[in-house]
Amino acid sequence: MTLGTFLHHQWLNFWRARNANKSLAIQIIIGFFYFLIFLEIAALGLALPFIIHEYMPGKEPVAIFCSYIIYYFLIGLLTRFQMQELPSLSIQPYLTQNIKRTSMLRFLNAKSLVHVFNFLPLFVFIPFTIMVIAPKFGGISAVSFLFCILALVVNNHFLTMYLKRKSTSNSWWFITIILTLAGLKALDYFKLLSFEKLSAGIFLTLLNHPVLCFIPLAVAATTFCINNNYLQRHLYLEELVNDTKLKAGKNFAFLNKLGDTGDMIALDLKLIFRNKRPKSLVILSGVILLYGFLFYPQYVRSEN
């Protein structure tokens, strides 16, 4: 089956749905709000050079801009992990047919790329690149810089897909991700590692040496291959409908020593991590608790 056939099936599935007219109206309203958001972000991208000149006079706009790119992609990775859905496709009927799995994987990957998170950064990076980077570093450096940003966006996209799929089967993946991000922020907070200097150094080097843009492209291609290979290994009907796997629960062995109280806590934790909404609330609560570590140190340094 070709990509067009899958798209045709999705089109028929949408219009044959029970509430097709209602869904279409909702999609139009959501699309309108997305359009407004895109306009606002594009305006921010156009005004960003002037904002930097006004609030940071005497500093190089390109260096300031590059120093926050790593922050953007790290925060974007955490945001994607919470808000970006895995690409949905009623794939069980296709698995019983004589259809190549590579075709299904190609459609899943192509469909997943059409996401608002993949288009939002372009409305900031493209205007800034055209207005500031291209006049100073030249057209070749500007184009290579945009290719680097696109590669990092694609890398974040498929890395999020892979980590979400792994954390679905094993919650320790999710805990490891949170601890890793918290550890990186702790290194930055205690000034053991400066993300601003690291980010500025990396992207200014890419601007001065455009040939290095192949490194982010290679990283994105590697992440895509890892995610694609994982899907290819687990794209089997018996894994999708395995009752034993669905019934398997998470064990919290460290709560066993608390007796009945530990059993009740374990049941509550299973209910929380089994459902998306309470799980997201728990994660957002942790992010809110760490809010001060992200922003308050900047105010303290500015007052000093």
Protein backbone atom coordinates (compact mmCIF):
# COMPACT_ATOMS: atom_id res chain seq x y z
CA MET A 1 0.00 0.00 0.00
CA THR A 2 1.16 3.50 -0.80
CA LEU A 3 1.05 6.58 1.39
CA GLY A 4 -1.89 7.90 -0.64
CA THR A 5 -3.92 4.77 0.12
CA PHE A 6 -3.44 5.21 3.86
CA LEU A 7 -4.41 8.86 3.59
CA HIS A 8 -7.52 7.89 1.63
CA HIS A 9 -8.49 5.40 4.36
CA GLN A 10 -8.01 8.07 7.03
CA TRP A 11 -10.17 10.46 4.99
CA LEU A 12 -12.96 7.89 4.71
CA ASN A 13 -12.65 7.03 8.40
CA PHE A 14 -13.09 10.70 9.30
CA TRP A 15 -16.18 11.29 7.18
CA ARG A 16 -17.81 7.98 8.12
CA ALA A 17 -17.39 8.68 11.81
CA ARG A 18 -20.46 9.12 13.94
CA ASN A 19 -19.83 12.79 14.75
CA ALA A 20 -18.04 13.85 11.58
CA ASN A 21 -19.72 17.26 11.30
CA LYS A 22 -19.03 18.05 14.95
CA SER A 23 -15.41 16.96 14.61
CA LEU A 24 -15.00 19.11 11.50
CA ALA A 25 -16.32 22.18 13.31
CA ILE A 26 -13.97 21.56 16.23
CA GLN A 27 -11.02 21.14 13.86
CA ILE A 28 -11.86 24.44 12.12
CA ILE A 29 -12.02 26.28 15.46
CA ILE A 30 -8.75 24.74 16.63
CA GLY A 31 -7.15 25.59 13.28
CA PHE A 32 -8.23 29.22 13.65
CA PHE A 33 -6.64 29.48 17.10
CA TYR A 34 -3.46 27.83 15.77
CA PHE A 35 -3.40 30.42 13.00
CA LEU A 36 -3.57 33.22 15.57
CA ILE A 37 -0.78 31.61 17.59
CA PHE A 38 1.38 31.31 14.47
CA LEU A 39 0.82 34.99 13.70
CA GLU A 40 1.81 36.02 17.22
CA ILE A 41 4.95 33.87 17.17
CA ALA A 42 5.88 35.21 13.72
CA ALA A 43 5.50 38.74 15.09
CA LEU A 44 7.78 37.77 17.97
CA GLY A 45 10.35 36.45 15.52
CA LEU A 46 10.26 39.75 13.59
CA ALA A 47 10.47 41.86 16.75
CA LEU A 48 13.10 39.74 18.50
CA PRO A 49 16.16 41.66 17.16
CA PHE A 50 14.66 44.96 18.32
CA ILE A 51 13.78 43.47 21.73
CA ILE A 52 17.37 42.31 22.20
CA HIS A 53 18.71 45.73 21.23
CA GLU A 54 16.34 47.46 23.65
CA TYR A 55 16.75 45.28 26.73
CA MET A 56 20.36 44.18 26.14
CA PRO A 57 22.11 47.18 24.58
CA GLY A 58 25.68 46.72 23.54
CA LYS A 59 25.43 42.92 23.28
CA GLU A 60 25.62 40.87 20.13
CA PRO A 61 22.06 39.76 19.13
CA VAL A 62 23.24 36.58 17.41
CA ALA A 63 25.26 35.47 20.46
CA ILE A 64 22.33 36.19 22.80
CA PHE A 65 19.95 34.33 20.50
CA CYS A 66 22.24 31.32 20.17
CA SER A 67 22.84 31.13 23.93
CA TYR A 68 19.19 30.17 24.57
CA ILE A 69 18.69 27.60 21.82
CA ILE A 70 19.65 24.64 24.03
CA TYR A 71 17.21 25.87 26.68
CA TYR A 72 14.49 25.98 24.05
CA PHE A 73 15.04 22.42 22.90
CA LEU A 74 15.38 21.01 26.43
CA ILE A 75 12.15 22.69 27.56
CA GLY A 76 10.57 21.69 24.25
CA LEU A 77 11.51 18.06 24.86
CA LEU A 78 9.78 18.08 28.25
CA THR A 79 6.75 19.88 26.80
CA ARG A 80 6.48 17.44 23.92
CA PHE A 81 6.71 14.53 26.33
CA GLN A 82 3.65 15.82 28.18
CA MET A 83 1.52 17.23 25.37
CA GLN A 84 2.49 15.48 22.15
CA GLU A 85 0.37 12.44 21.40
CA LEU A 86 1.68 9.29 19.80
CA PRO A 87 0.50 8.97 16.19
CA SER A 88 -2.73 7.03 16.19
CA LEU A 89 -3.68 4.58 13.48
CA SER A 90 -6.09 1.64 13.56
CA ILE A 91 -3.28 -0.65 12.68
CA GLN A 92 -4.66 -4.02 13.78
CA PRO A 93 -6.77 -4.55 10.60
CA TYR A 94 -3.71 -3.84 8.45
CA LEU A 95 -1.55 -6.33 10.31
CA THR A 96 -3.81 -9.20 9.27
CA GLN A 97 -3.44 -8.25 5.60
CA ASN A 98 -0.63 -8.85 3.16
CA ILE A 99 0.79 -5.37 3.62
CA LYS A 100 4.45 -4.52 4.09
CA ARG A 101 5.23 -3.21 7.54
CA THR A 102 7.62 -0.72 6.00
CA SER A 103 4.62 0.95 4.31
CA MET A 104 2.77 1.23 7.62
CA LEU A 105 5.86 2.57 9.35
CA ARG A 106 6.39 5.10 6.57
CA PHE A 107 2.85 6.37 7.03
CA LEU A 108 3.13 6.51 10.83
CA ASN A 109 6.34 8.52 10.66
CA ALA A 110 5.03 10.89 7.99
CA LYS A 111 1.77 11.44 9.86
CA SER A 112 3.54 12.12 13.14
CA LEU A 113 5.63 14.91 11.58
CA VAL A 114 2.51 16.96 10.87
CA HIS A 115 2.34 18.46 14.35
CA VAL A 116 2.07 21.99 15.65
CA PHE A 117 5.25 21.61 17.74
CA ASN A 118 7.24 21.01 14.56
CA PHE A 119 6.02 24.21 12.88
CA LEU A 120 6.07 26.67 15.79
CA PRO A 121 9.86 27.19 15.99
CA LEU A 122 10.07 27.96 12.28
CA PHE A 123 8.08 31.16 12.82
CA VAL A 124 10.78 32.39 15.23
CA PHE A 125 13.97 31.05 13.68
CA ILE A 126 13.25 31.90 10.03
CA PRO A 127 12.54 35.65 10.56
CA PHE A 128 15.53 36.05 12.87
CA THR A 129 17.79 34.21 10.42
CA ILE A 130 16.67 36.35 7.48
CA MET A 131 16.87 39.66 9.36
CA VAL A 132 20.01 39.21 11.47
CA ILE A 133 22.05 36.10 10.67
CA ALA A 134 22.00 36.24 6.86
CA PRO A 135 23.28 39.87 6.59
CA LYS A 136 26.12 39.19 9.04
CA PHE A 137 27.25 35.63 8.25
CA GLY A 138 26.09 35.23 4.65
CA GLY A 139 23.47 33.18 2.89
CA ILE A 140 25.28 29.82 3.10
CA SER A 141 25.70 30.08 6.88
CA ALA A 142 22.06 31.17 7.27
CA VAL A 143 20.75 28.23 5.23
CA SER A 144 22.98 25.76 7.08
CA PHE A 145 21.80 27.24 10.39
CA LEU A 146 18.16 26.67 9.40
CA PHE A 147 18.99 23.10 8.39
CA CYS A 148 20.52 22.59 11.85
CA ILE A 149 17.38 23.91 13.53
CA LEU A 150 15.15 21.69 11.37
CA ALA A 151 17.34 18.70 12.21
CA LEU A 152 17.07 19.45 15.94
CA VAL A 153 13.28 19.80 15.66
CA VAL A 154 13.05 16.43 13.92
CA ASN A 155 15.43 14.93 16.48
CA ASN A 156 13.27 16.20 19.36
CA HIS A 157 10.17 14.86 17.63
CA PHE A 158 11.36 11.28 17.11
CA LEU A 159 13.23 11.22 20.43
CA THR A 160 9.97 12.11 22.18
CA MET A 161 8.14 9.36 20.27
CA TYR A 162 10.78 6.80 21.26
CA LEU A 163 10.94 7.82 24.93
CA LYS A 164 7.14 7.87 25.27
CA ARG A 165 6.86 4.39 23.80
CA LYS A 166 9.61 3.10 26.09
CA SER A 167 8.10 4.77 29.17
CA THR A 168 4.70 3.25 28.36
CA SER A 169 6.15 -0.23 28.80
CA ASN A 170 8.51 0.73 31.65
CA SER A 171 7.90 3.72 33.93
CA TRP A 172 11.59 3.81 34.92
CA TRP A 173 12.33 5.39 31.55
CA PHE A 174 10.15 8.35 32.47
CA ILE A 175 11.77 8.66 35.91
CA THR A 176 15.21 8.55 34.27
CA ILE A 177 14.25 11.35 31.87
CA ILE A 178 13.03 13.59 34.69
CA LEU A 179 16.14 12.91 36.78
CA THR A 180 18.40 13.59 33.79
CA LEU A 181 16.76 16.95 33.06
CA ALA A 182 16.82 17.84 36.75
CA GLY A 183 20.51 16.91 36.93
CA LEU A 184 21.34 19.07 33.93
CA LYS A 185 19.49 22.00 35.47
CA ALA A 186 21.30 21.42 38.78
CA LEU A 187 24.65 21.58 36.97
CA ASP A 188 23.59 24.87 35.45
CA TYR A 189 22.20 26.19 38.74
CA PHE A 190 25.41 25.47 40.66
CA LYS A 191 27.47 26.90 37.77
CA LEU A 192 29.20 23.62 37.07
CA LEU A 193 27.99 23.79 33.48
CA SER A 194 26.74 26.92 31.72
CA PHE A 195 24.11 26.10 29.13
CA GLU A 196 24.23 29.65 27.80
CA LYS A 197 27.95 29.53 27.05
CA LEU A 198 27.70 25.97 25.72
CA SER A 199 24.79 26.83 23.43
CA ALA A 200 26.40 30.03 22.18
CA GLY A 201 29.68 28.23 21.49
CA ILE A 202 28.04 25.37 19.59
CA PHE A 203 25.78 27.44 17.32
CA LEU A 204 28.29 30.22 16.69
CA THR A 205 30.73 27.52 15.59
CA LEU A 206 28.08 26.13 13.26
CA LEU A 207 27.57 29.61 11.80
CA ASN A 208 31.30 30.12 11.27
CA HIS A 209 31.75 26.61 9.81
CA PRO A 210 28.60 25.73 7.80
CA VAL A 211 29.94 22.31 6.87
CA LEU A 212 29.35 21.20 10.47
CA CYS A 213 25.59 21.31 9.86
CA PHE A 214 25.88 17.66 8.85
CA ILE A 215 26.39 16.73 12.52
CA PRO A 216 22.84 17.70 13.63
CA LEU A 217 21.50 16.05 10.46
CA ALA A 218 23.33 12.84 11.37
CA VAL A 219 21.97 13.01 14.94
CA ALA A 220 18.41 13.43 13.64
CA ALA A 221 18.86 10.54 11.21
CA THR A 222 20.19 8.32 14.01
CA THR A 223 17.23 9.15 16.27
CA PHE A 224 14.83 8.43 13.41
CA CYS A 225 16.46 5.03 12.77
CA ILE A 226 16.31 4.10 16.46
CA ASN A 227 12.62 5.00 16.68
CA ASN A 228 11.83 3.26 13.39
CA ASN A 229 13.66 0.08 14.39
CA TYR A 230 11.83 0.01 17.72
CA LEU A 231 8.48 0.27 15.93
CA GLN A 232 9.47 -2.39 13.44
CA ARG A 233 10.38 -4.83 16.21
CA HIS A 234 7.11 -4.30 18.09
CA LEU A 235 4.67 -4.00 15.20
CA TYR A 236 3.01 -7.38 15.71
CA LEU A 237 -0.59 -8.25 16.34
CA GLU A 238 0.14 -10.50 19.30
CA GLU A 239 1.90 -7.65 21.09
CA LEU A 240 -1.00 -5.27 20.51
CA VAL A 241 -3.65 -7.64 21.88
CA ASN A 242 -1.67 -9.52 24.48
CA ASP A 243 -3.98 -9.75 27.50
CA THR A 244 -1.19 -10.84 29.81
CA LYS A 245 0.78 -7.72 28.97
CA LEU A 246 -2.24 -5.50 29.52
CA LYS A 247 -2.97 -7.03 32.90
CA ALA A 248 0.58 -6.75 34.11
CA GLY A 249 0.91 -4.05 36.74
CA LYS A 250 3.75 -2.14 38.24
CA ASN A 251 5.20 -3.45 41.48
CA PHE A 252 6.52 -1.08 44.12
CA ALA A 253 8.64 -3.43 46.20
CA PHE A 254 9.88 -0.67 48.52
CA LEU A 255 6.30 -0.26 49.83
CA ASN A 256 5.95 -3.88 50.94
CA LYS A 257 7.57 -3.17 54.30
CA LEU A 258 4.74 -0.75 55.17
CA GLY A 259 2.16 -3.54 55.30
CA ASP A 260 -1.45 -2.69 54.47
CA THR A 261 -0.62 1.00 54.21
CA GLY A 262 2.02 0.24 51.60
CA ASP A 263 -0.47 -1.87 49.62
CA MET A 264 -2.96 1.00 49.57
CA ILE A 265 -0.28 3.47 48.49
CA ALA A 266 0.83 1.07 45.76
CA LEU A 267 -2.74 0.79 44.46
CA ASP A 268 -3.06 4.58 44.35
CA LEU A 269 0.24 4.88 42.48
CA LYS A 270 -0.87 2.27 39.97
CA LEU A 271 -4.10 4.16 39.34
CA ILE A 272 -2.20 7.43 38.93
CA PHE A 273 0.39 6.13 36.47
CA ARG A 274 -2.15 4.05 34.55
CA ASN A 275 -4.20 7.05 33.44
CA LYS A 276 -2.90 9.95 31.40
CA ARG A 277 -4.59 12.85 33.19
CA PRO A 278 -3.50 12.13 36.80
CA LYS A 279 -0.06 11.16 35.54
CA SER A 280 0.23 14.52 33.75
CA LEU A 281 -0.94 16.36 36.88
CA VAL A 282 1.75 14.68 38.97
CA ILE A 283 4.40 15.68 36.43
CA LEU A 284 3.16 19.26 36.18
CA SER A 285 3.16 19.51 39.97
CA GLY A 286 6.83 18.60 40.00
CA VAL A 287 7.55 21.15 37.27
CA ILE A 288 5.74 23.87 39.23
CA LEU A 289 7.75 23.02 42.34
CA LEU A 290 10.94 23.47 40.30
CA TYR A 291 9.69 26.72 38.77
CA GLY A 292 11.72 28.85 41.15
CA PHE A 293 14.98 27.12 40.24
CA LEU A 294 14.38 27.97 36.58
CA PHE A 295 13.65 31.71 36.81
CA TYR A 296 14.35 33.16 40.27
CA PRO A 297 18.18 32.90 40.09
CA GLN A 298 18.10 35.30 37.14
CA TYR A 299 16.24 37.89 39.22
CA VAL A 300 18.67 37.45 42.11
CA ARG A 301 21.66 38.00 39.80
CA SER A 302 20.02 41.05 38.22
CA GLU A 303 19.37 42.62 41.65
CA ASN A 304 22.97 42.08 42.68
